[in-house]
Amino acid sequence: QEQLVESGGGLVQVGGSLRLSCVASRRPFSAYFLGWFRQGPGKEREFVARISYSGKQKYYTDSVKGRFTISRDTAENTVYLQMNNLKPEDTAVYYCAASLTNTRSVGEVNHWGQGTQVTVSS
């Protein structure tokens, strides 16, 4: 069973930055798209960003474009989400996700992490 472990969440003020990390326990982690979803209070889980195994393909939801950057270190089996210029609406539990398909659909994710809380205070 694949295991994804997130870290890096926390409390930050508006305009601040955080970097989330997700380590995958199984090597190699080839053929998977790695990504991030989030679920805000009272909201459904939504796609945030994903990256291909090579790192050449990156996708973002519109609300984070220009502020968030996804990257991966294949040697360390780790994916990162650098979040800059954070806004109160970014407050959510952020989940690392691994999928065999190039998708933003929650239903097509094959493996989930346990989630890490990000809170942006105004």
Protein backbone atom coordinates (compact mmCIF):
# COMPACT_ATOMS: atom_id res chain seq x y z
CA GLN A 1 0.00 0.00 0.00
CA GLU A 2 1.33 3.34 -1.05
CA GLN A 3 1.77 5.81 1.78
CA LEU A 4 1.92 9.55 1.36
CA VAL A 5 2.99 11.70 4.29
CA GLU A 6 2.51 15.46 4.22
CA SER A 7 4.21 18.11 6.30
CA GLY A 8 4.67 21.87 6.32
CA GLY A 9 1.22 23.15 7.17
CA GLY A 10 0.61 25.79 9.80
CA LEU A 11 -0.71 29.23 10.63
CA VAL A 12 0.38 32.18 8.50
CA GLN A 13 -0.76 35.74 8.00
CA VAL A 14 -2.26 37.08 4.80
CA GLY A 15 0.47 37.55 2.22
CA GLY A 16 2.75 35.03 3.86
CA SER A 17 4.26 31.84 2.49
CA LEU A 18 4.37 28.16 3.32
CA ARG A 19 5.92 25.14 1.66
CA LEU A 20 4.18 21.80 1.86
CA SER A 21 6.06 18.55 1.38
CA CYS A 22 4.80 15.06 0.64
CA VAL A 23 6.98 11.98 0.82
CA ALA A 24 5.90 8.77 -0.89
CA SER A 25 6.91 5.59 0.88
CA ARG A 26 7.24 3.32 -2.12
CA ARG A 27 10.07 3.56 -4.63
CA PRO A 28 10.14 4.13 -7.48
CA PHE A 29 7.11 6.35 -7.76
CA SER A 30 7.08 6.28 -11.52
CA ALA A 31 3.98 6.50 -13.70
CA TYR A 32 2.10 8.53 -11.10
CA PHE A 33 0.98 12.11 -11.27
CA LEU A 34 1.52 13.68 -7.87
CA GLY A 35 -0.57 16.53 -6.72
CA TRP A 36 -2.41 18.48 -4.07
CA PHE A 37 -6.06 18.87 -3.25
CA ARG A 38 -7.61 20.90 -0.48
CA GLN A 39 -10.81 20.96 1.51
CA GLY A 40 -11.91 24.15 3.18
CA PRO A 41 -14.44 24.41 6.02
CA GLY A 42 -17.84 23.32 4.77
CA LYS A 43 -16.55 22.79 1.25
CA GLU A 44 -15.92 19.85 -1.00
CA ARG A 45 -12.40 18.64 -1.67
CA GLU A 46 -10.97 20.41 -4.72
CA PHE A 47 -8.00 20.13 -7.01
CA VAL A 48 -5.10 22.54 -6.44
CA ALA A 49 -2.11 21.40 -8.50
CA ARG A 50 -0.45 18.32 -9.99
CA ILE A 51 2.80 17.40 -11.69
CA SER A 52 3.89 14.58 -13.95
CA TYR A 53 6.64 12.13 -13.05
CA SER A 54 9.12 13.95 -15.30
CA GLY A 55 8.14 17.28 -13.84
CA LYS A 56 7.55 18.70 -17.30
CA GLN A 57 3.77 18.85 -17.03
CA LYS A 58 2.29 21.06 -14.32
CA TYR A 59 -1.32 22.02 -13.81
CA TYR A 60 -2.95 24.48 -11.43
CA THR A 61 -6.43 25.53 -10.55
CA ASP A 62 -7.08 29.11 -11.64
CA SER A 63 -7.28 30.57 -8.15
CA VAL A 64 -3.66 29.66 -7.30
CA LYS A 65 -1.94 30.39 -10.61
CA GLY A 66 0.94 32.79 -10.13
CA ARG A 67 1.00 32.19 -6.38
CA PHE A 68 1.59 28.45 -5.93
CA THR A 69 4.35 26.35 -7.48
CA ILE A 70 4.44 22.57 -7.55
CA SER A 71 7.68 20.64 -7.93
CA ARG A 72 8.99 17.15 -7.33
CA ASP A 73 12.25 15.47 -6.46
CA THR A 74 12.12 12.02 -8.00
CA ALA A 75 15.30 10.90 -6.24
CA GLU A 76 13.71 11.68 -2.88
CA ASN A 77 10.22 10.60 -3.93
CA THR A 78 8.92 13.93 -2.73
CA VAL A 79 6.52 16.52 -4.09
CA TYR A 80 6.41 20.12 -2.88
CA LEU A 81 3.87 22.91 -3.00
CA GLN A 82 5.33 26.37 -2.51
CA MET A 83 2.52 28.73 -1.57
CA ASN A 84 3.13 32.47 -1.73
CA ASN A 85 0.89 35.48 -1.19
CA LEU A 86 -1.54 33.37 0.81
CA LYS A 87 -5.12 34.53 1.19
CA PRO A 88 -7.79 33.68 3.78
CA GLU A 89 -9.62 31.62 1.15
CA ASP A 90 -6.59 29.33 0.95
CA THR A 91 -7.41 28.10 4.45
CA ALA A 92 -8.02 24.36 4.17
CA VAL A 93 -6.70 20.92 4.86
CA TYR A 94 -4.27 20.13 2.07
CA TYR A 95 -4.01 16.55 0.86
CA CYS A 96 -1.24 14.98 -1.14
CA ALA A 97 -2.55 12.76 -3.92
CA ALA A 98 -1.17 10.22 -6.35
CA SER A 99 -2.99 9.22 -9.51
CA LEU A 100 -2.20 7.09 -12.50
CA THR A 101 -4.26 9.33 -14.75
CA ASN A 102 -3.76 12.98 -15.60
CA THR A 103 -6.83 14.14 -13.75
CA ARG A 104 -8.15 16.72 -11.36
CA SER A 105 -10.99 14.47 -10.31
CA VAL A 106 -11.15 13.45 -6.66
CA GLY A 107 -12.67 10.14 -7.68
CA GLU A 108 -9.71 9.17 -9.83
CA VAL A 109 -7.03 9.61 -7.17
CA ASN A 110 -5.41 6.29 -6.29
CA HIS A 111 -3.68 7.25 -3.04
CA TRP A 112 -4.21 10.00 -0.46
CA GLY A 113 -2.13 11.43 2.32
CA GLN A 114 -3.59 12.15 5.73
CA GLY A 115 -3.75 15.91 5.18
CA THR A 116 -2.07 18.94 6.70
CA GLN A 117 -3.87 22.05 7.95
CA VAL A 118 -3.11 25.45 6.44
CA THR A 119 -4.68 28.45 8.13
CA VAL A 120 -4.33 31.97 6.76
CA SER A 121 -5.27 34.69 9.21
CA SER A 122 -6.37 38.17 8.20
